[in-house]
Amino acid sequence: MALETFQIRSFTIMTTETIIKELDKLPLTDKLLVLERTLKSMRQDREKNLSNAVKVLYDEYKTDKELTIFSQLDKDPFYETR
């Protein structure tokens, strides 16, 4: 069994300004990669947030009688007047 070696690197917390300066130094292909990964991450966050909101609101809708009181009208026919 081979022993693995790990290199421990020091890291710095980057500010938005630092990130932008570092991005400016990258070649275009790397900038596009960062952009794609960032957009993917943002979409995943949005989907997760929306999914959580739907779950919370659905449970509230099912249990709160004030929110479901008008659902009794769903069975009545609707006639549009002109």
C-alpha atoms as a PDB file:
ATOM      1  CA  MET A   1       0.000   0.000   0.000  1.00  0.00           C
ATOM      2  CA  ALA A   2       1.545   3.274  -1.109  1.00  0.00           C
ATOM      3  CA  LEU A   3       1.480   6.235   1.189  1.00  0.00           C
ATOM      4  CA  GLU A   4      -0.126   9.304  -0.253  1.00  0.00           C
ATOM      5  CA  THR A   5       1.414  12.675   0.315  1.00  0.00           C
ATOM      6  CA  PHE A   6      -0.656  15.789   0.642  1.00  0.00           C
ATOM      7  CA  GLN A   7       0.525  19.296   0.131  1.00  0.00           C
ATOM      8  CA  ILE A   8      -1.116  21.731   2.486  1.00  0.00           C
ATOM      9  CA  ARG A   9      -1.479  25.148   0.966  1.00  0.00           C
ATOM     10  CA  SER A  10      -2.160  28.344   2.772  1.00  0.00           C
ATOM     11  CA  PHE A  11      -5.154  30.198   1.489  1.00  0.00           C
ATOM     12  CA  THR A  12      -6.443  33.712   1.557  1.00  0.00           C
ATOM     13  CA  ILE A  13     -10.036  34.780   1.791  1.00  0.00           C
ATOM     14  CA  MET A  14     -10.639  36.695  -1.393  1.00  0.00           C
ATOM     15  CA  THR A  15     -12.790  39.771  -1.633  1.00  0.00           C
ATOM     16  CA  THR A  16     -14.939  40.450  -4.662  1.00  0.00           C
ATOM     17  CA  GLU A  17     -12.432  43.052  -5.804  1.00  0.00           C
ATOM     18  CA  THR A  18      -9.568  40.546  -5.554  1.00  0.00           C
ATOM     19  CA  ILE A  19     -11.528  37.924  -7.480  1.00  0.00           C
ATOM     20  CA  ILE A  20     -12.249  40.392 -10.285  1.00  0.00           C
ATOM     21  CA  LYS A  21      -8.584  41.408 -10.480  1.00  0.00           C
ATOM     22  CA  GLU A  22      -7.535  37.760 -10.665  1.00  0.00           C
ATOM     23  CA  LEU A  23     -10.153  37.029 -13.329  1.00  0.00           C
ATOM     24  CA  ASP A  24      -8.724  39.839 -15.445  1.00  0.00           C
ATOM     25  CA  LYS A  25      -5.415  37.946 -15.502  1.00  0.00           C
ATOM     26  CA  LEU A  26      -6.947  34.735 -16.876  1.00  0.00           C
ATOM     27  CA  PRO A  27      -7.094  33.802 -20.546  1.00  0.00           C
ATOM     28  CA  LEU A  28     -10.506  33.974 -22.176  1.00  0.00           C
ATOM     29  CA  THR A  29     -11.107  30.207 -22.067  1.00  0.00           C
ATOM     30  CA  ASP A  30     -10.544  30.129 -18.310  1.00  0.00           C
ATOM     31  CA  LYS A  31     -12.779  33.158 -17.816  1.00  0.00           C
ATOM     32  CA  LEU A  32     -15.536  31.345 -19.724  1.00  0.00           C
ATOM     33  CA  LEU A  33     -15.070  28.258 -17.564  1.00  0.00           C
ATOM     34  CA  VAL A  34     -15.417  30.343 -14.393  1.00  0.00           C
ATOM     35  CA  LEU A  35     -18.514  32.001 -15.833  1.00  0.00           C
ATOM     36  CA  GLU A  36     -20.127  28.673 -16.776  1.00  0.00           C
ATOM     37  CA  ARG A  37     -19.465  27.168 -13.354  1.00  0.00           C
ATOM     38  CA  THR A  38     -20.741  30.289 -11.601  1.00  0.00           C
ATOM     39  CA  LEU A  39     -23.972  30.313 -13.635  1.00  0.00           C
ATOM     40  CA  LYS A  40     -24.482  26.603 -12.989  1.00  0.00           C
ATOM     41  CA  SER A  41     -24.031  27.163  -9.264  1.00  0.00           C
ATOM     42  CA  MET A  42     -26.478  30.078  -9.304  1.00  0.00           C
ATOM     43  CA  ARG A  43     -29.103  28.010 -11.168  1.00  0.00           C
ATOM     44  CA  GLN A  44     -28.724  25.152  -8.696  1.00  0.00           C
ATOM     45  CA  ASP A  45     -29.092  27.543  -5.761  1.00  0.00           C
ATOM     46  CA  ARG A  46     -32.197  29.094  -7.308  1.00  0.00           C
ATOM     47  CA  GLU A  47     -33.782  25.705  -7.985  1.00  0.00           C
ATOM     48  CA  LYS A  48     -33.020  24.559  -4.445  1.00  0.00           C
ATOM     49  CA  ASN A  49     -34.507  27.738  -2.971  1.00  0.00           C
ATOM     50  CA  LEU A  50     -37.624  27.488  -5.131  1.00  0.00           C
ATOM     51  CA  SER A  51     -38.066  23.830  -4.261  1.00  0.00           C
ATOM     52  CA  ASN A  52     -37.816  24.586  -0.554  1.00  0.00           C
ATOM     53  CA  ALA A  53     -40.279  27.472  -0.880  1.00  0.00           C
ATOM     54  CA  VAL A  54     -42.774  25.252  -2.706  1.00  0.00           C
ATOM     55  CA  LYS A  55     -42.579  22.632   0.036  1.00  0.00           C
ATOM     56  CA  VAL A  56     -43.134  25.208   2.781  1.00  0.00           C
ATOM     57  CA  LEU A  57     -45.975  26.964   0.992  1.00  0.00           C
ATOM     58  CA  TYR A  58     -47.661  23.710  -0.009  1.00  0.00           C
ATOM     59  CA  ASP A  59     -47.744  22.512   3.589  1.00  0.00           C
ATOM     60  CA  GLU A  60     -49.082  25.881   4.705  1.00  0.00           C
ATOM     61  CA  TYR A  61     -51.725  25.855   1.970  1.00  0.00           C
ATOM     62  CA  LYS A  62     -52.908  22.383   2.964  1.00  0.00           C
ATOM     63  CA  THR A  63     -53.179  23.208   6.683  1.00  0.00           C
ATOM     64  CA  ASP A  64     -54.343  26.851   6.731  1.00  0.00           C
ATOM     65  CA  LYS A  65     -58.128  26.973   6.278  1.00  0.00           C
ATOM     66  CA  GLU A  66     -58.015  30.695   5.458  1.00  0.00           C
ATOM     67  CA  LEU A  67     -55.996  29.873   2.343  1.00  0.00           C
ATOM     68  CA  THR A  68     -58.232  27.023   1.194  1.00  0.00           C
ATOM     69  CA  ILE A  69     -61.645  28.539   1.885  1.00  0.00           C
ATOM     70  CA  PHE A  70     -62.146  29.642  -1.740  1.00  0.00           C
ATOM     71  CA  SER A  71     -61.220  26.243  -3.146  1.00  0.00           C
ATOM     72  CA  GLN A  72     -64.850  25.268  -2.522  1.00  0.00           C
ATOM     73  CA  LEU A  73     -65.734  27.558  -5.430  1.00  0.00           C
ATOM     74  CA  ASP A  74     -63.536  25.536  -7.799  1.00  0.00           C
ATOM     75  CA  LYS A  75     -66.370  23.102  -8.407  1.00  0.00           C
ATOM     76  CA  ASP A  76     -68.825  25.795  -9.491  1.00  0.00           C
ATOM     77  CA  PRO A  77     -69.114  26.571 -13.217  1.00  0.00           C
ATOM     78  CA  PHE A  78     -67.573  29.818 -14.346  1.00  0.00           C
ATOM     79  CA  TYR A  79     -69.405  32.097 -16.737  1.00  0.00           C
ATOM     80  CA  GLU A  80     -67.608  35.017 -18.268  1.00  0.00           C
ATOM     81  CA  THR A  81     -69.644  38.174 -18.838  1.00  0.00           C
ATOM     82  CA  ARG A  82     -68.902  40.500 -21.714  1.00  0.00           C
END
